[in-house]
N, C-alpha and C. Protein backbone atom coordinates (compact mmCIF):
# COMPACT_ATOMS: atom_id res chain seq x y z
N MET A 1 0.78 -1.15 -0.11
CA MET A 1 0.07 -0.13 0.07
C MET A 1 0.98 1.22 0.01
N ARG A 2 0.68 2.11 -0.94
CA ARG A 2 1.46 3.59 -0.99
C ARG A 2 0.91 4.18 -0.01
N ASN A 3 2.05 5.06 0.69
CA ASN A 3 1.68 6.39 1.69
C ASN A 3 1.12 5.55 2.99
N ALA A 4 1.62 3.99 3.25
CA ALA A 4 0.82 3.59 4.54
C ALA A 4 1.10 4.33 5.64
N SER A 5 2.19 4.94 5.81
CA SER A 5 2.72 5.66 6.69
C SER A 5 1.72 6.94 7.12
N ARG A 6 1.45 7.41 6.13
CA ARG A 6 0.57 8.70 6.53
C ARG A 6 -0.91 8.30 7.26
N SER A 7 -1.13 9.33 8.11
CA SER A 7 -2.40 9.27 8.83
C SER A 7 -3.76 9.39 8.07
N PHE A 8 -4.93 8.92 8.50
CA PHE A 8 -6.20 9.26 7.79
C PHE A 8 -6.38 10.63 7.77
N PRO A 9 -5.86 11.43 8.87
CA PRO A 9 -6.34 12.90 8.71
C PRO A 9 -5.13 13.83 8.21
N THR A 10 -4.44 12.97 7.75
CA THR A 10 -3.06 14.13 6.86
C THR A 10 -3.61 13.44 5.43
N MET A 11 -3.86 12.38 5.15
CA MET A 11 -4.57 12.22 3.84
C MET A 11 -5.67 12.66 3.61
N LEU A 12 -6.73 13.37 4.39
CA LEU A 12 -7.78 13.97 4.00
C LEU A 12 -7.35 15.42 3.63
N CYS A 13 -6.59 15.84 4.68
CA CYS A 13 -6.03 17.42 4.41
C CYS A 13 -5.71 17.23 3.10
N ALA A 14 -4.31 16.35 2.95
CA ALA A 14 -3.97 16.35 1.54
C ALA A 14 -5.05 16.44 0.32
N LEU A 15 -5.69 15.85 0.64
CA LEU A 15 -6.98 15.56 -0.64
C LEU A 15 -7.81 16.72 -0.53
N ALA A 16 -8.09 17.44 0.72
CA ALA A 16 -8.87 18.82 0.45
C ALA A 16 -7.91 19.76 0.28
N LEU A 17 -6.40 19.76 0.25
CA LEU A 17 -5.92 20.84 -0.28
C LEU A 17 -5.87 20.99 -1.82
N SER A 18 -5.69 19.61 -2.65
CA SER A 18 -5.68 19.45 -3.59
C SER A 18 -6.67 19.68 -4.31
N ALA A 19 -8.09 19.69 -3.68
CA ALA A 19 -9.14 20.60 -4.32
C ALA A 19 -9.01 22.28 -3.88
N LEU A 20 -8.23 22.92 -3.54
CA LEU A 20 -8.92 24.27 -3.39
C LEU A 20 -8.30 24.69 -4.56
N PRO A 21 -8.84 25.76 -4.97
CA PRO A 21 -8.37 26.82 -6.07
C PRO A 21 -6.96 27.34 -5.81
N ALA A 22 -5.77 27.24 -6.84
CA ALA A 22 -4.77 27.48 -6.99
C ALA A 22 -4.44 28.66 -6.05
N THR A 23 -5.31 29.68 -6.12
CA THR A 23 -5.23 30.94 -5.30
C THR A 23 -5.01 30.83 -3.77
N HIS A 24 -5.57 29.54 -3.29
CA HIS A 24 -5.48 29.23 -1.90
C HIS A 24 -4.49 28.19 -1.67
N ALA A 25 -3.72 27.80 -2.44
CA ALA A 25 -2.97 26.53 -1.87
C ALA A 25 -1.86 27.03 -1.00
N VAL A 26 -1.57 25.91 -0.26
CA VAL A 26 -0.49 26.30 0.83
C VAL A 26 0.75 26.87 0.36
N ALA A 27 0.97 26.51 -0.80
CA ALA A 27 2.58 26.81 -1.09
C ALA A 27 2.33 28.06 -2.20
N ASP A 28 1.08 28.52 -2.52
CA ASP A 28 1.02 29.60 -3.13
C ASP A 28 0.43 30.77 -2.50
N ARG A 29 1.60 31.56 -2.02
CA ARG A 29 1.32 33.00 -1.17
C ARG A 29 1.79 33.70 -2.45
N THR A 30 0.94 34.77 -2.81
CA THR A 30 1.16 35.56 -4.11
C THR A 30 2.46 36.72 -3.41
N PRO A 31 3.70 36.47 -3.83
CA PRO A 31 4.64 37.44 -3.48
C PRO A 31 4.33 38.81 -4.13
N ASP A 32 4.54 39.97 -3.41
CA ASP A 32 4.48 41.19 -4.05
C ASP A 32 5.46 42.21 -2.97
N ALA A 33 5.78 43.32 -3.46
CA ALA A 33 6.67 44.07 -2.93
C ALA A 33 7.07 44.01 -1.28
N ALA A 34 5.51 43.66 -0.76
CA ALA A 34 5.53 43.84 0.69
C ALA A 34 5.84 42.49 1.39
N PHE A 35 6.04 41.23 0.53
CA PHE A 35 6.15 39.74 0.75
C PHE A 35 7.59 39.81 1.75
N ASP A 36 7.19 39.02 2.97
CA ASP A 36 8.52 39.05 4.01
C ASP A 36 8.97 37.64 3.68
N ALA A 37 9.82 37.25 2.74
CA ALA A 37 10.24 35.76 2.86
C ALA A 37 10.99 35.13 3.91
N ASP A 38 11.89 36.41 4.45
CA ASP A 38 12.86 35.99 5.80
C ASP A 38 11.91 35.72 6.86
N ALA A 39 10.87 36.31 6.84
CA ALA A 39 10.23 35.87 7.85
C ALA A 39 9.59 34.56 7.87
N LEU A 40 9.11 34.01 6.91
CA LEU A 40 8.51 32.68 6.63
C LEU A 40 9.97 31.95 6.62
N TRP A 41 11.08 32.12 6.49
CA TRP A 41 12.20 31.24 6.57
C TRP A 41 12.51 31.24 8.12
N ARG A 42 12.28 32.39 8.91
CA ARG A 42 12.42 32.42 10.33
C ARG A 42 11.42 31.17 11.06
N GLY A 43 10.38 31.25 10.58
CA GLY A 43 9.58 30.25 11.06
C GLY A 43 9.79 28.79 10.71
N ALA A 44 10.24 28.42 9.65
CA ALA A 44 10.67 27.07 9.17
C ALA A 44 11.95 26.68 9.76
N GLN A 45 12.63 27.59 10.10
CA GLN A 45 14.25 27.46 10.71
C GLN A 45 13.92 27.19 12.32
N ALA A 46 12.82 27.75 12.76
CA ALA A 46 12.55 27.59 13.98
C ALA A 46 11.75 26.37 14.43
N GLY A 47 11.23 25.55 13.31
CA GLY A 47 10.95 24.31 13.49
C GLY A 47 9.46 24.09 13.13
N LEU A 48 8.94 25.21 12.77
CA LEU A 48 7.50 25.20 12.11
C LEU A 48 7.59 24.41 10.74
N ASP A 49 6.34 23.68 10.54
CA ASP A 49 5.97 22.88 9.14
C ASP A 49 4.59 23.95 8.78
N LEU A 50 5.45 24.67 7.77
CA LEU A 50 4.45 25.72 7.31
C LEU A 50 3.66 24.99 6.07
N ALA A 51 3.86 23.86 5.58
CA ALA A 51 3.12 23.26 4.92
C ALA A 51 2.24 22.35 5.23
N ALA A 52 2.40 21.90 6.55
CA ALA A 52 1.13 20.96 7.46
C ALA A 52 -0.01 21.52 7.05
N CYS A 53 -0.75 20.00 7.16
CA CYS A 53 -2.18 20.66 7.39
C CYS A 53 -2.60 21.14 8.79
N PRO A 54 -3.43 22.21 9.00
CA PRO A 54 -3.70 22.28 10.34
C PRO A 54 -4.18 21.05 11.22
N SER A 55 -3.89 21.18 12.43
CA SER A 55 -4.43 20.02 13.21
C SER A 55 -5.85 19.99 13.78
N PHE A 56 -6.38 21.25 13.55
CA PHE A 56 -7.72 21.71 13.89
C PHE A 56 -8.93 21.87 13.30
N GLY A 57 -8.43 22.12 11.82
CA GLY A 57 -9.43 22.63 10.78
C GLY A 57 -8.95 23.42 10.21
N GLU A 58 -10.03 24.15 9.19
CA GLU A 58 -9.65 25.30 8.29
C GLU A 58 -11.01 25.98 8.21
N THR A 59 -11.03 27.07 7.47
CA THR A 59 -12.21 27.57 6.85
C THR A 59 -12.13 28.81 6.09
N ARG A 60 -13.24 29.00 5.11
CA ARG A 60 -13.05 30.31 4.25
C ARG A 60 -14.00 31.36 5.11
N LEU A 61 -13.69 32.51 5.29
CA LEU A 61 -14.21 33.77 5.65
C LEU A 61 -14.92 34.44 4.37
N SER A 62 -16.07 34.90 4.05
CA SER A 62 -16.46 35.79 3.34
C SER A 62 -17.34 36.95 3.97
N THR A 63 -17.79 37.68 3.16
CA THR A 63 -18.71 39.05 3.95
C THR A 63 -19.86 38.15 4.67
N LEU A 64 -20.49 37.08 4.33
CA LEU A 64 -21.53 36.92 4.89
C LEU A 64 -21.32 35.78 6.41
N ASP A 65 -19.79 35.76 6.40
CA ASP A 65 -19.35 35.20 7.60
C ASP A 65 -19.23 35.98 8.66
N THR A 66 -19.31 37.35 8.59
CA THR A 66 -19.37 38.25 9.61
C THR A 66 -20.55 38.30 10.55
N LEU A 67 -21.47 37.70 10.21
CA LEU A 67 -22.76 37.70 11.02
C LEU A 67 -22.55 36.64 12.18
N ALA A 68 -21.35 35.56 12.01
CA ALA A 68 -21.54 34.30 12.87
C ALA A 68 -19.95 34.25 13.27
N PRO A 69 -19.30 34.65 14.33
CA PRO A 69 -18.07 34.33 14.68
C PRO A 69 -18.01 32.69 14.85
N LEU A 70 -16.99 32.23 14.14
CA LEU A 70 -16.53 30.85 14.18
C LEU A 70 -15.79 30.35 15.73
N SER A 71 -16.21 29.08 16.12
CA SER A 71 -15.42 28.88 17.52
C SER A 71 -15.33 27.42 17.37
N VAL A 72 -13.99 26.98 17.58
CA VAL A 72 -12.82 25.91 17.58
C VAL A 72 -12.36 25.49 18.98
N PRO A 73 -12.58 24.21 19.07
CA PRO A 73 -12.11 23.59 20.26
C PRO A 73 -10.71 23.19 19.81
N LEU A 74 -9.69 23.39 20.45
CA LEU A 74 -8.46 23.30 20.33
C LEU A 74 -7.85 22.62 21.43
N LEU A 75 -6.59 22.23 20.99
CA LEU A 75 -5.57 21.97 22.46
C LEU A 75 -4.08 22.65 21.91
N ALA A 76 -3.73 23.81 22.63
CA ALA A 76 -2.99 24.59 22.67
C ALA A 76 -1.54 24.16 23.31
N GLY A 77 -0.22 24.53 22.67
CA GLY A 77 1.00 24.26 23.36
C GLY A 77 1.66 23.37 22.28
N GLY A 78 2.89 23.30 22.62
CA GLY A 78 3.93 22.45 21.60
C GLY A 78 5.19 22.62 22.24
N GLU A 79 6.40 22.10 21.22
CA GLU A 79 7.80 22.42 21.63
C GLU A 79 8.46 23.36 20.92
N VAL A 80 7.63 23.71 19.95
CA VAL A 80 8.87 25.24 19.35
C VAL A 80 8.79 26.48 19.97
N ASP A 81 9.92 26.78 20.22
CA ASP A 81 9.87 28.35 20.89
C ASP A 81 9.54 29.23 20.05
N ALA A 82 8.31 29.96 20.45
CA ALA A 82 7.96 30.86 19.59
C ALA A 82 8.81 32.27 19.15
N LEU A 83 9.87 32.54 20.32
CA LEU A 83 10.86 33.29 20.24
C LEU A 83 11.70 33.19 19.24
N ASP A 84 11.73 32.01 18.57
CA ASP A 84 12.54 31.82 17.34
C ASP A 84 11.93 31.88 16.17
N VAL A 85 10.60 32.22 15.90
CA VAL A 85 9.77 32.78 15.06
C VAL A 85 9.76 34.14 14.84
N ASP A 86 9.84 35.03 15.93
CA ASP A 86 9.38 36.51 16.07
C ASP A 86 10.04 36.99 17.31
N ALA A 87 10.68 37.83 17.54
CA ALA A 87 11.18 38.53 18.47
C ALA A 87 10.05 39.07 19.55
N SER A 88 9.14 39.06 18.72
CA SER A 88 7.95 39.52 20.10
C SER A 88 6.93 38.26 20.60
N CYS A 89 7.23 37.29 20.17
CA CYS A 89 6.59 36.07 20.72
C CYS A 89 7.28 35.49 21.63
N ARG A 90 6.25 35.23 22.77
CA ARG A 90 6.87 34.38 24.19
C ARG A 90 6.01 33.29 24.23
N GLY A 91 6.37 32.06 24.19
CA GLY A 91 5.71 30.76 24.75
C GLY A 91 6.23 29.87 23.45
N HIS A 92 5.35 28.76 23.56
CA HIS A 92 5.60 27.42 22.88
C HIS A 92 4.47 26.83 21.98
N ILE A 93 4.72 26.62 20.82
CA ILE A 93 3.62 26.25 19.86
C ILE A 93 3.74 25.24 19.08
N ALA A 94 3.12 24.17 18.37
CA ALA A 94 3.21 23.01 17.65
C ALA A 94 3.98 23.56 16.52
N ALA A 95 4.36 22.35 15.93
CA ALA A 95 5.20 22.52 14.47
C ALA A 95 4.30 22.87 13.45
N ALA A 96 3.00 22.00 13.34
CA ALA A 96 1.67 22.33 12.53
C ALA A 96 0.69 23.49 13.08
N PRO A 97 0.25 24.01 12.06
CA PRO A 97 -0.74 25.25 12.39
C PRO A 97 -1.85 24.46 13.24
N ASP A 98 -2.50 25.23 14.31
CA ASP A 98 -3.42 24.90 14.87
C ASP A 98 -4.87 24.75 14.11
N TYR A 99 -4.98 26.07 13.07
CA TYR A 99 -5.95 26.27 12.52
C TYR A 99 -5.73 27.31 11.38
N ARG A 100 -6.58 27.10 10.27
CA ARG A 100 -6.26 28.02 9.03
C ARG A 100 -7.33 28.82 8.61
N VAL A 101 -7.29 30.02 8.23
CA VAL A 101 -8.56 30.87 7.70
C VAL A 101 -8.12 31.33 6.51
N TYR A 102 -8.86 31.31 5.45
CA TYR A 102 -8.87 31.87 4.16
C TYR A 102 -9.62 32.98 4.08
N LEU A 103 -9.21 33.99 4.38
CA LEU A 103 -10.18 35.34 4.15
C LEU A 103 -10.08 35.88 2.63
N GLU A 104 -11.61 35.51 2.28
CA GLU A 104 -11.72 35.78 0.45
C GLU A 104 -11.92 37.27 0.31
N HIS A 105 -11.98 38.26 1.25
CA HIS A 105 -12.36 39.61 1.17
C HIS A 105 -11.50 40.37 2.09
N SER A 106 -11.08 41.48 1.87
CA SER A 106 -10.20 42.28 2.82
C SER A 106 -11.33 42.34 3.95
N SER A 107 -10.92 42.89 5.27
CA SER A 107 -11.63 42.80 6.33
C SER A 107 -11.08 44.17 7.37
N THR A 108 -12.01 44.91 7.55
CA THR A 108 -11.60 46.23 8.42
C THR A 108 -11.02 45.53 9.47
N ASP A 109 -11.41 44.41 10.05
CA ASP A 109 -10.95 43.95 11.46
C ASP A 109 -10.66 42.42 11.56
N LEU A 110 -9.78 41.80 11.75
CA LEU A 110 -9.79 40.43 12.03
C LEU A 110 -9.57 40.02 13.40
N GLN A 111 -10.33 39.49 14.01
CA GLN A 111 -9.94 39.51 15.65
C GLN A 111 -9.81 37.79 16.05
N LEU A 112 -9.19 37.61 16.66
CA LEU A 112 -8.87 36.02 17.15
C LEU A 112 -8.64 36.33 18.94
N SER A 113 -9.40 35.20 19.39
CA SER A 113 -9.04 35.18 20.75
C SER A 113 -9.09 33.36 21.14
N PHE A 114 -8.34 33.08 22.21
CA PHE A 114 -8.55 31.94 22.72
C PHE A 114 -8.66 31.96 24.27
N THR A 115 -9.77 31.10 24.72
CA THR A 115 -10.17 31.13 26.02
C THR A 115 -9.97 29.84 26.40
N ALA A 116 -8.86 29.59 27.58
CA ALA A 116 -8.52 28.48 28.04
C ALA A 116 -9.64 27.91 29.04
N ASP A 117 -9.72 26.54 28.93
CA ASP A 117 -10.69 25.75 29.90
C ASP A 117 -10.30 26.10 31.41
N GLU A 118 -8.72 26.28 31.57
CA GLU A 118 -8.74 26.54 33.02
C GLU A 118 -8.07 28.07 33.07
N PRO A 119 -8.92 28.66 33.67
CA PRO A 119 -8.91 30.14 33.56
C PRO A 119 -7.41 30.81 34.33
N GLU A 120 -6.82 30.22 35.13
CA GLU A 120 -5.43 30.51 35.33
C GLU A 120 -4.30 30.42 34.80
N ALA A 121 -4.70 29.53 33.51
CA ALA A 121 -3.51 29.03 32.64
C ALA A 121 -3.05 30.33 31.50
N ALA A 122 -1.89 30.39 31.37
CA ALA A 122 -1.48 31.39 30.02
C ALA A 122 -1.43 30.92 28.90
N SER A 123 -2.01 31.69 27.84
CA SER A 123 -1.55 31.11 26.46
C SER A 123 -1.26 32.46 25.58
N ILE A 124 -0.79 32.10 24.59
CA ILE A 124 -0.51 33.15 23.37
C ILE A 124 -1.18 32.40 22.36
N MET A 125 -1.04 33.66 21.15
CA MET A 125 -1.36 33.13 19.81
C MET A 125 -0.42 33.61 18.82
N VAL A 126 -0.11 32.94 17.86
CA VAL A 126 0.81 33.18 16.76
C VAL A 126 0.19 33.13 15.38
N VAL A 127 0.35 34.12 14.72
CA VAL A 127 -0.18 33.97 13.33
C VAL A 127 0.59 34.47 12.11
N ASN A 128 0.70 33.59 10.88
CA ASN A 128 1.51 33.93 9.87
C ASN A 128 0.36 34.67 8.71
N ARG A 129 0.67 35.67 8.42
CA ARG A 129 -0.43 36.37 7.60
C ARG A 129 -0.03 36.07 6.09
N PRO A 130 -0.69 36.70 5.13
CA PRO A 130 -0.72 36.08 3.70
C PRO A 130 0.64 36.86 3.22
N ASP A 131 1.46 37.98 4.01
CA ASP A 131 2.28 38.59 3.43
C ASP A 131 3.86 38.01 4.11
N GLY A 132 3.77 37.08 4.72
CA GLY A 132 4.73 36.37 5.48
C GLY A 132 5.22 36.53 6.90
N ARG A 133 4.49 37.88 6.99
CA ARG A 133 4.72 38.68 8.42
C ARG A 133 4.25 37.62 9.50
N TRP A 134 4.65 37.88 10.53
CA TRP A 134 4.24 37.08 11.81
C TRP A 134 3.30 38.07 12.73
N ALA A 135 2.49 37.76 13.58
CA ALA A 135 1.84 38.61 14.64
C ALA A 135 1.74 37.78 15.76
N CYS A 136 1.89 38.29 17.03
CA CYS A 136 1.96 37.65 18.31
C CYS A 136 1.09 38.28 19.23
N SER A 137 0.41 37.69 20.15
CA SER A 137 -0.26 38.25 21.16
C SER A 137 0.77 37.91 22.56
N PRO A 138 0.90 38.50 23.55
CA PRO A 138 1.41 38.48 24.73
C PRO A 138 0.80 37.31 25.65
N PRO A 139 1.98 36.72 26.52
CA PRO A 139 1.19 35.45 27.26
C PRO A 139 -0.14 36.15 28.01
N THR A 140 -1.11 35.55 27.99
CA THR A 140 -2.36 36.04 28.78
C THR A 140 -3.15 34.69 29.45
N THR A 141 -3.45 35.21 30.96
CA THR A 141 -4.28 33.97 31.47
C THR A 141 -5.66 34.47 31.11
N GLY A 142 -6.48 33.46 31.07
CA GLY A 142 -7.90 33.34 30.87
C GLY A 142 -7.96 33.43 29.29
N THR A 143 -8.27 34.56 28.74
CA THR A 143 -8.42 34.70 27.39
C THR A 143 -7.66 35.61 26.80
N SER A 144 -6.54 35.13 25.67
CA SER A 144 -5.40 36.17 24.77
C SER A 144 -6.37 36.19 23.78
N THR A 145 -5.96 37.66 23.38
CA THR A 145 -6.57 38.10 22.10
C THR A 145 -5.53 38.69 21.19
N LEU A 146 -5.92 38.59 19.95
CA LEU A 146 -4.92 39.24 19.13
C LEU A 146 -5.93 39.72 18.02
N GLN A 147 -5.67 41.03 17.54
CA GLN A 147 -6.53 41.89 16.77
C GLN A 147 -5.65 42.23 15.59
N LEU A 148 -6.04 41.78 14.31
CA LEU A 148 -5.06 42.02 13.13
C LEU A 148 -5.47 43.31 12.31
N GLY A 149 -6.23 43.97 12.87
CA GLY A 149 -6.80 45.48 12.18
C GLY A 149 -7.31 44.77 10.79
N ALA A 150 -6.69 45.84 9.56
CA ALA A 150 -6.80 45.60 8.51
C ALA A 150 -6.28 44.41 7.92
N ALA A 151 -7.11 43.39 7.69
CA ALA A 151 -6.70 42.05 6.99
C ALA A 151 -6.97 42.44 5.68
N ALA A 152 -5.85 41.60 4.92
CA ALA A 152 -5.87 41.55 3.42
C ALA A 152 -6.46 40.34 3.17
N THR A 153 -6.75 39.92 2.02
CA THR A 153 -7.24 38.64 1.59
C THR A 153 -5.98 37.54 1.56
N GLY A 154 -6.57 36.34 1.75
CA GLY A 154 -5.31 35.31 1.85
C GLY A 154 -5.58 34.65 2.77
N GLN A 155 -4.49 33.64 2.97
CA GLN A 155 -4.34 32.55 3.91
C GLN A 155 -3.52 33.04 5.40
N TYR A 156 -4.26 32.80 6.47
CA TYR A 156 -3.93 33.08 7.76
C TYR A 156 -3.53 31.86 8.67
N ASP A 157 -2.33 31.25 8.81
CA ASP A 157 -1.98 30.45 9.41
C ASP A 157 -1.85 30.72 11.13
N ILE A 158 -2.66 29.89 11.91
CA ILE A 158 -2.91 30.40 13.17
C ILE A 158 -2.32 29.16 14.40
N TRP A 159 -1.44 29.38 15.31
CA TRP A 159 -0.97 28.81 16.25
C TRP A 159 -1.51 29.29 17.56
N VAL A 160 -1.80 28.48 18.57
CA VAL A 160 -2.32 28.77 19.69
C VAL A 160 -1.26 27.98 20.88
N GLY A 161 -0.55 28.73 21.73
CA GLY A 161 0.42 27.98 22.60
C GLY A 161 0.28 28.36 24.14
N THR A 162 1.44 27.67 24.52
CA THR A 162 1.42 27.88 26.20
C THR A 162 2.83 28.51 26.56
N VAL A 163 2.86 29.16 27.75
CA VAL A 163 4.38 29.49 28.11
C VAL A 163 5.37 28.31 28.33
N ASP A 164 4.89 27.27 28.84
CA ASP A 164 5.70 26.45 29.14
C ASP A 164 5.74 25.28 28.00
N PRO A 165 7.18 24.87 27.58
CA PRO A 165 7.33 23.80 26.55
C PRO A 165 6.61 22.68 27.24
N GLY A 166 6.13 21.83 25.90
CA GLY A 166 5.29 20.56 26.46
C GLY A 166 4.23 20.52 27.08
N THR A 167 3.55 21.71 27.61
CA THR A 167 2.27 21.62 28.15
C THR A 167 1.27 21.67 27.51
N TRP A 168 0.21 21.17 27.54
CA TRP A 168 -0.94 21.13 26.66
C TRP A 168 -2.13 21.80 27.43
N LEU A 169 -2.99 22.59 26.62
CA LEU A 169 -4.23 23.34 27.24
C LEU A 169 -5.29 23.52 26.57
N PRO A 170 -6.15 22.56 27.05
CA PRO A 170 -7.71 22.62 26.13
C PRO A 170 -8.34 24.25 26.15
N GLY A 171 -8.81 24.39 25.30
CA GLY A 171 -9.66 25.90 25.07
C GLY A 171 -10.25 25.98 23.72
N THR A 172 -11.09 27.30 23.48
CA THR A 172 -11.64 27.51 22.39
C THR A 172 -10.91 28.62 21.67
N LEU A 173 -10.84 28.40 20.56
CA LEU A 173 -10.49 29.73 19.64
C LEU A 173 -11.56 30.28 18.93
N ARG A 174 -11.58 31.46 19.01
CA ARG A 174 -12.98 32.28 18.44
C ARG A 174 -12.22 33.34 17.16
N ILE A 175 -12.74 33.23 15.81
CA ILE A 175 -12.56 33.96 15.05
C ILE A 175 -13.75 35.07 14.34
N HIS A 176 -13.41 36.18 14.48
CA HIS A 176 -14.47 37.17 14.08
C HIS A 176 -13.77 37.79 13.07
N SER A 177 -14.32 38.19 11.84
CA SER A 177 -14.18 39.11 10.77
C SER A 177 -15.21 39.92 10.61
N LEU A 178 -14.82 41.55 10.49
CA LEU A 178 -15.72 42.40 10.07
C LEU A 178 -15.55 42.93 8.69
N ALA A 179 -16.47 42.65 7.82
CA ALA A 179 -15.99 42.77 6.27
C ALA A 179 -16.06 44.08 6.24
N ASP A 180 -15.03 44.67 4.85
CA ASP A 180 -14.98 46.09 4.54
C ASP A 180 -16.14 46.31 3.90
N PRO A 181 -16.78 47.42 4.42
CA PRO A 181 -17.84 48.09 3.91
C PRO A 181 -17.98 48.23 2.22
N ALA A 182 -16.84 48.08 1.60
CA ALA A 182 -16.80 48.20 0.48
C ALA A 182 -17.14 46.96 -0.37
N MET A 183 -17.07 45.76 0.43
CA MET A 183 -17.27 44.61 0.17
C MET A 183 -18.67 44.07 0.37
N SER A 184 -19.42 44.85 0.99
CA SER A 184 -20.77 44.41 1.41
C SER A 184 -21.92 43.98 0.13
N LEU A 185 -22.94 43.48 0.39
CA LEU A 185 -23.99 42.83 -0.05
C LEU A 185 -24.73 43.94 -1.08
N PRO A 186 -24.65 43.76 -2.48
CA PRO A 186 -25.78 44.47 -3.09
C PRO A 186 -26.99 44.93 -2.65
N ARG A 187 -27.27 46.32 -2.67
CA ARG A 187 -28.59 46.65 -2.36
C ARG A 187 -29.88 46.45 -3.22
């Protein structure tokens, strides 16, 4: 049997990725003058698997999705030191992204939050944007938040981590996008 060593979820993710339009393929990030390839390189050097399927799923957000924020239960943590990804990151994350969002239209505000099931536990969030740059939240107990402000269309890979390496923290990731008024539905 070919690819017998691949797990079933990995095969499903690979199959799903092959069905995505080329503009949303993992390896296809449209480089432009503002694209930061060095930032992606730092992530790979730190031990992140930027081509991996996300551990807890993915979604597309369009203007209609602004009506209902998305909630995703997941397990935060990992062994990768987020400081090696970006100097503003403090904590530890998994090698594969926890969740992936394809933003189909620019957004006036992309908001992420993670609420830990243990209110006294600290968590962080790390996001790789479509232009290759990183965004990080500081370690926060209870609910950590990250507001990406004006968000461009494209792929956002999201990691949720813990302060200590190798610790795992259950909780809920919440994703909310406010669409650009210029992209609203026709009247």
